[in-house]
């Protein structure tokens, strides 16, 4: 390994999946502004949109998010007559 190219500020960070509120701890160097209290200890908090607890590949469930009827609009526009 090359010397002097790896970060020195590794610490335990809480990652929170915003789609299902799951929190897991991992060592990271990510910059955070928020903290969270877990089991009486305070950890830096980093929010993620998706993790292994909510991703369709890992859960086996397909989740279709339809805002403002985009799928219906697409289907009516391109359906065969």
Protein backbone atom coordinates (compact mmCIF):
# COMPACT_ATOMS: atom_id res chain seq x y z
CA UNK A 1 0.00 0.00 0.00
CA UNK A 2 1.12 3.51 -0.71
CA UNK A 3 1.84 5.64 2.33
CA UNK A 4 0.08 8.96 2.92
CA UNK A 5 -2.85 8.56 0.49
CA UNK A 6 -5.47 7.15 2.88
CA UNK A 7 -7.60 9.40 5.12
CA UNK A 8 -6.82 9.45 8.82
CA UNK A 9 -10.19 10.64 10.16
CA UNK A 10 -12.19 7.37 10.14
CA UNK A 11 -14.91 7.29 12.78
CA UNK A 12 -18.17 5.45 13.45
CA UNK A 13 -21.04 7.12 11.56
CA UNK A 14 -24.77 6.33 11.70
CA UNK A 15 -26.35 5.94 8.26
CA UNK A 16 -30.14 6.39 8.16
CA UNK A 17 -32.25 5.03 5.30
CA UNK A 18 -34.91 7.70 4.77
CA UNK A 19 -37.38 5.38 3.02
CA UNK A 20 -37.84 3.00 5.96
CA UNK A 21 -36.07 4.73 8.90
CA UNK A 22 -33.50 1.93 9.29
CA UNK A 23 -30.24 3.03 10.99
CA UNK A 24 -26.92 1.19 10.80
CA UNK A 25 -23.44 2.03 12.04
CA UNK A 26 -20.33 1.92 9.87
CA UNK A 27 -16.86 3.46 9.90
CA UNK A 28 -16.56 6.33 7.45
CA UNK A 29 -14.92 9.69 6.72
CA UNK A 30 -18.11 11.32 5.38
CA UNK A 31 -18.78 14.91 6.53
CA UNK A 32 -21.98 15.35 8.54
CA UNK A 33 -23.82 18.19 10.25
CA UNK A 34 -26.36 16.21 12.29
CA UNK A 35 -26.00 13.74 15.14
CA UNK A 36 -28.16 10.92 16.45
CA UNK A 37 -28.34 9.25 19.85
CA UNK A 38 -28.12 5.43 19.81
CA UNK A 39 -27.93 3.43 23.04
CA UNK A 40 -26.82 6.50 24.99
CA UNK A 41 -23.99 7.39 22.58
CA UNK A 42 -23.98 10.24 20.08
CA UNK A 43 -22.92 9.49 16.50
CA UNK A 44 -22.64 11.68 13.39
CA UNK A 45 -25.71 11.10 11.17
CA UNK A 46 -25.66 10.71 7.38
CA UNK A 47 -29.00 10.30 5.57
CA UNK A 48 -29.23 8.02 2.53
CA UNK A 49 -32.14 7.60 0.10
CA UNK A 50 -31.83 3.84 -0.31
CA UNK A 51 -29.95 1.00 1.37
CA UNK A 52 -29.96 -2.77 1.38
CA UNK A 53 -33.07 -2.76 3.61
CA UNK A 54 -35.15 -0.87 1.04
CA UNK A 55 -33.60 -1.69 -2.35
CA UNK A 56 -35.80 -3.96 -4.50
CA UNK A 57 -32.88 -6.25 -5.36
CA UNK A 58 -32.34 -7.16 -1.69
CA UNK A 59 -35.97 -7.10 -0.53
CA UNK A 60 -37.50 -8.88 -3.51
CA UNK A 61 -40.31 -6.32 -3.62
CA UNK A 62 -40.78 -3.97 -6.53
CA UNK A 63 -41.95 -0.54 -5.41
CA UNK A 64 -43.47 1.73 -8.04
CA UNK A 65 -43.50 5.39 -7.12
CA UNK A 66 -46.01 7.28 -9.23
CA UNK A 67 -46.23 11.00 -8.68
CA UNK A 68 -48.83 13.01 -10.55
CA UNK A 69 -49.99 10.03 -12.62
CA UNK A 70 -46.89 9.86 -14.83
CA UNK A 71 -47.26 6.16 -15.51
CA UNK A 72 -50.93 6.52 -16.45
CA UNK A 73 -50.14 9.48 -18.68
CA UNK A 74 -47.41 7.47 -20.42
CA UNK A 75 -49.66 4.44 -20.90
CA UNK A 76 -52.50 6.49 -22.40
CA UNK A 77 -50.16 8.35 -24.71
CA UNK A 78 -48.43 5.28 -26.11
CA UNK A 79 -51.05 2.55 -25.90
CA UNK A 80 -51.88 0.81 -29.14
CA UNK A 81 -55.25 1.47 -30.66
